[in-house]
Structure formats: C-alpha cells, structure tokens
Amino acid sequence: MRLIFTALIAFILAGPAAVAGGPPEGEDPAAWCESNLDACTTWCESNPEAEICKEPECD
C-alpha cells in the first residue's frame, strides 16, 4: 500500500514539471510559444534568461 501512495505522490509532484518543460528540442521556440502560450508563460517565469523570454510582446 505504501508503494502505491509513494508512486501516486511522485506522479503528482512530477506532473507540473513535465507540463512546463519548455520548447522541445529541435522545434522553433517562437512557434512553440505561440501555440502553447500558457506553458510558455509558465516556463519563462522560471527561465527569464532564455532568448524567447526576452523578446518584447506585440500589442
């Protein structure tokens, strides 16, 4: 029973990290951010030094 609870807790804690993983390798970061705005915003909050996060937003 402990093993099930441990696995469940690990899965819950690892979930948000997987969702906000940043642009996939080999994909255009700008295109990824345009199609995944929420994930891009969340990722940029943790990675402000990334080039895609430094670009100004268009109004």
Protein backbone atom coordinates (compact mmCIF):
# COMPACT_ATOMS: atom_id res chain seq x y z
CA MET A 1 0.00 0.00 0.00
CA ARG A 2 2.87 2.38 0.78
CA LEU A 3 4.31 1.76 -2.66
CA ILE A 4 1.06 2.87 -4.31
CA PHE A 5 0.91 6.06 -2.24
CA THR A 6 4.58 6.81 -2.92
CA ALA A 7 4.11 6.33 -6.65
CA LEU A 8 0.97 8.48 -6.64
CA ILE A 9 2.69 11.31 -4.76
CA ALA A 10 5.72 11.16 -7.08
CA PHE A 11 3.44 11.31 -10.12
CA ILE A 12 1.54 14.31 -8.74
CA LEU A 13 4.74 16.19 -7.92
CA ALA A 14 6.37 15.42 -11.28
CA GLY A 15 3.28 16.42 -13.31
CA PRO A 16 3.73 20.21 -13.30
CA ALA A 17 7.41 19.90 -14.20
CA ALA A 18 6.53 17.87 -17.26
CA VAL A 19 3.86 20.31 -18.36
CA ALA A 20 6.13 23.35 -18.18
CA GLY A 21 9.17 21.76 -19.74
CA GLY A 22 9.89 24.43 -22.32
CA PRO A 23 10.20 24.15 -26.08
CA PRO A 24 11.04 20.65 -27.35
CA GLU A 25 14.50 20.05 -28.80
CA GLY A 26 14.69 20.89 -32.48
CA GLU A 27 11.45 22.89 -32.53
CA ASP A 28 11.28 26.64 -33.15
CA PRO A 29 10.83 28.23 -29.69
CA ALA A 30 8.79 31.13 -31.11
CA ALA A 31 6.35 28.76 -32.81
CA TRP A 32 6.10 26.68 -29.63
CA CYS A 33 5.34 29.78 -27.53
CA GLU A 34 2.66 30.94 -29.98
CA SER A 35 0.89 27.58 -29.91
CA ASN A 36 1.39 27.00 -26.15
CA LEU A 37 1.01 30.45 -24.61
CA ASP A 38 0.17 29.29 -21.07
CA ALA A 39 3.02 26.77 -20.95
CA CYS A 40 5.40 29.34 -22.46
CA THR A 41 4.46 31.95 -19.87
CA THR A 42 4.91 29.48 -17.03
CA TRP A 43 8.23 28.29 -18.43
CA CYS A 44 9.51 31.83 -18.93
CA GLU A 45 8.76 32.69 -15.31
CA SER A 46 11.34 30.06 -14.33
CA ASN A 47 13.71 30.76 -17.25
CA PRO A 48 13.81 34.54 -17.81
CA GLU A 49 17.31 34.28 -19.29
CA ALA A 50 16.07 32.24 -22.27
CA GLU A 51 16.20 34.13 -25.57
CA ILE A 52 12.48 33.59 -26.36
CA CYS A 53 11.56 35.06 -22.95
CA LYS A 54 13.47 38.29 -23.66
CA GLU A 55 11.55 39.20 -26.80
CA PRO A 56 9.05 42.04 -26.41
CA GLU A 57 5.38 41.21 -26.72
CA CYS A 58 3.38 42.78 -29.52
CA ASP A 59 0.38 44.87 -28.51
